[in-house]
Amino acid sequence: MKNFEYFNLATFEIFHECCSSFPSIAHIQPSNIVSGISKFYDAWEIDEEAMDDLVHDTVSWLIREGYLVDHGLDSNHLNVSISERGLRAINKKPSSLDSNSFKEIFSSSIKTTSLSIVSNAVVELFK
């Protein structure tokens, strides 16, 4: 069930990128998201091509579910911003995490966050 774990990690880093650039459009390089996810695994565990596809699929899912707005794709970037629904979600206070809001959690890069915090934050965000 690593796909759920990968999805949570990708979602966390995508929201980190979007929060960092809000209200402007985030220009997300899938390779940067994959690099963040790779922190949690040995090099042999990561298929970079499959992970790149997972990042695209995660962004597509977040757009379809109304958390992100699609601003098009250029040759190197996924161009998205947080939607109104996404903004409402990240402004909520997570009940199981010691934080004022999800924005506070997403302000940290995935590279400085533990896997359990990432997973708990994403699961709780979608409640």
Protein backbone atom coordinates (compact mmCIF):
# COMPACT_ATOMS: atom_id res chain seq x y z
CA MET A 1 0.00 0.00 0.00
CA LYS A 2 2.90 2.34 -0.62
CA ASN A 3 0.83 4.23 -3.20
CA PHE A 4 -1.17 5.81 -0.37
CA GLU A 5 2.05 6.72 1.39
CA TYR A 6 3.48 8.20 -1.81
CA PHE A 7 0.21 10.06 -2.43
CA ASN A 8 0.33 11.56 1.08
CA LEU A 9 3.93 12.66 0.62
CA ALA A 10 3.25 14.16 -2.82
CA THR A 11 0.13 15.93 -1.53
CA PHE A 12 2.05 17.40 1.40
CA GLU A 13 4.79 18.78 -0.81
CA ILE A 14 2.33 20.08 -3.42
CA PHE A 15 0.46 21.99 -0.71
CA HIS A 16 3.80 23.24 0.64
CA GLU A 17 4.65 24.65 -2.80
CA CYS A 18 1.18 26.19 -3.20
CA CYS A 19 1.21 27.75 0.28
CA SER A 20 4.68 29.17 -0.33
CA SER A 21 3.51 31.00 -3.45
CA PHE A 22 -0.08 31.84 -2.42
CA PRO A 23 -1.94 33.79 -3.80
CA SER A 24 0.25 33.50 -6.88
CA ILE A 25 0.41 30.45 -9.10
CA ALA A 26 2.78 27.70 -7.95
CA HIS A 27 5.06 26.43 -10.71
CA ILE A 28 5.66 22.89 -9.51
CA GLN A 29 8.49 20.82 -10.93
CA PRO A 30 7.58 17.15 -10.48
CA SER A 31 11.27 16.30 -10.01
CA ASN A 32 11.38 18.51 -6.90
CA ILE A 33 8.39 16.67 -5.43
CA VAL A 34 10.02 13.31 -6.22
CA SER A 35 13.21 14.53 -4.55
CA GLY A 36 11.28 15.31 -1.38
CA ILE A 37 9.56 11.93 -1.40
CA SER A 38 12.91 10.19 -1.97
CA LYS A 39 14.10 11.42 1.42
CA PHE A 40 12.01 8.71 3.09
CA TYR A 41 13.24 5.73 1.04
CA ASP A 42 16.41 4.00 -0.09
CA ALA A 43 17.41 4.86 -3.65
CA TRP A 44 16.54 1.38 -4.94
CA GLU A 45 12.95 1.75 -3.68
CA ILE A 46 12.17 4.76 -5.87
CA ASP A 47 11.27 4.41 -9.55
CA GLU A 48 11.64 8.04 -10.61
CA GLU A 49 9.53 7.68 -13.75
CA ALA A 50 6.69 6.08 -11.81
CA MET A 51 7.02 8.73 -9.10
CA ASP A 52 6.86 11.49 -11.71
CA ASP A 53 3.60 9.94 -12.97
CA LEU A 54 2.34 9.78 -9.38
CA VAL A 55 3.00 13.52 -8.93
CA HIS A 56 1.02 14.29 -12.09
CA ASP A 57 -1.78 11.97 -10.99
CA THR A 58 -1.86 13.53 -7.50
CA VAL A 59 -2.11 17.05 -8.92
CA SER A 60 -4.87 15.87 -11.27
CA TRP A 61 -6.77 14.30 -8.35
CA LEU A 62 -6.42 17.45 -6.23
CA ILE A 63 -7.77 19.51 -9.15
CA ARG A 64 -10.70 17.13 -9.77
CA GLU A 65 -11.60 17.15 -6.07
CA GLY A 66 -11.55 20.95 -6.02
CA TYR A 67 -8.49 21.62 -3.82
CA LEU A 68 -6.39 23.14 -6.61
CA VAL A 69 -7.03 25.24 -9.69
CA ASP A 70 -5.28 24.22 -12.90
CA HIS A 71 -3.42 27.01 -14.70
CA GLY A 72 -1.98 24.80 -17.41
CA LEU A 73 1.13 22.79 -18.00
CA ASP A 74 4.28 24.06 -19.57
CA SER A 75 7.25 21.94 -20.54
CA ASN A 76 8.68 21.68 -17.02
CA HIS A 77 6.01 22.76 -14.56
CA LEU A 78 2.54 21.99 -13.27
CA ASN A 79 0.97 25.41 -12.79
CA VAL A 80 -1.63 25.36 -10.02
CA SER A 81 -2.97 27.45 -7.18
CA ILE A 82 -5.02 26.72 -4.09
CA SER A 83 -8.75 26.89 -4.72
CA GLU A 84 -11.30 28.36 -2.33
CA ARG A 85 -12.07 24.83 -1.09
CA GLY A 86 -8.35 24.17 -0.63
CA LEU A 87 -7.93 27.43 1.27
CA ARG A 88 -10.80 26.54 3.61
CA ALA A 89 -9.20 23.13 4.21
CA ILE A 90 -5.73 24.47 5.02
CA ASN A 91 -7.13 27.14 7.33
CA LYS A 92 -8.73 24.47 9.56
CA LYS A 93 -7.09 23.55 12.85
CA PRO A 94 -6.08 19.89 12.83
CA SER A 95 -7.44 18.15 15.92
CA SER A 96 -4.74 15.49 16.23
CA LEU A 97 -1.69 17.61 15.44
CA ASP A 98 -0.07 20.28 17.58
CA SER A 99 -0.61 23.18 15.21
CA ASN A 100 -2.80 26.22 14.71
CA SER A 101 -3.67 25.32 11.11
CA PHE A 102 -2.66 23.10 8.23
CA LYS A 103 -0.94 26.16 6.72
CA GLU A 104 1.46 26.06 9.64
CA ILE A 105 2.20 22.38 8.96
CA PHE A 106 2.58 22.91 5.20
CA SER A 107 4.93 25.85 5.75
CA SER A 108 7.63 23.26 6.46
CA SER A 109 9.21 21.45 3.58
CA ILE A 110 8.74 17.71 3.41
CA LYS A 111 12.50 17.43 3.86
CA THR A 112 12.19 18.70 7.44
CA THR A 113 9.03 16.78 8.39
CA SER A 114 8.56 13.23 9.66
CA LEU A 115 6.61 10.63 7.71
CA SER A 116 4.06 10.26 10.50
CA ILE A 117 3.31 14.01 10.55
CA VAL A 118 2.97 14.06 6.77
CA SER A 119 0.57 11.10 6.78
CA ASN A 120 -1.50 12.40 9.70
CA ALA A 121 -1.73 15.89 8.20
CA VAL A 122 -2.93 14.70 4.79
CA VAL A 123 -5.42 12.22 6.23
CA GLU A 124 -6.85 14.85 8.54
CA LEU A 125 -6.91 17.52 5.80
CA PHE A 126 -9.37 15.45 3.77
CA LYS A 127 -11.71 14.71 6.69
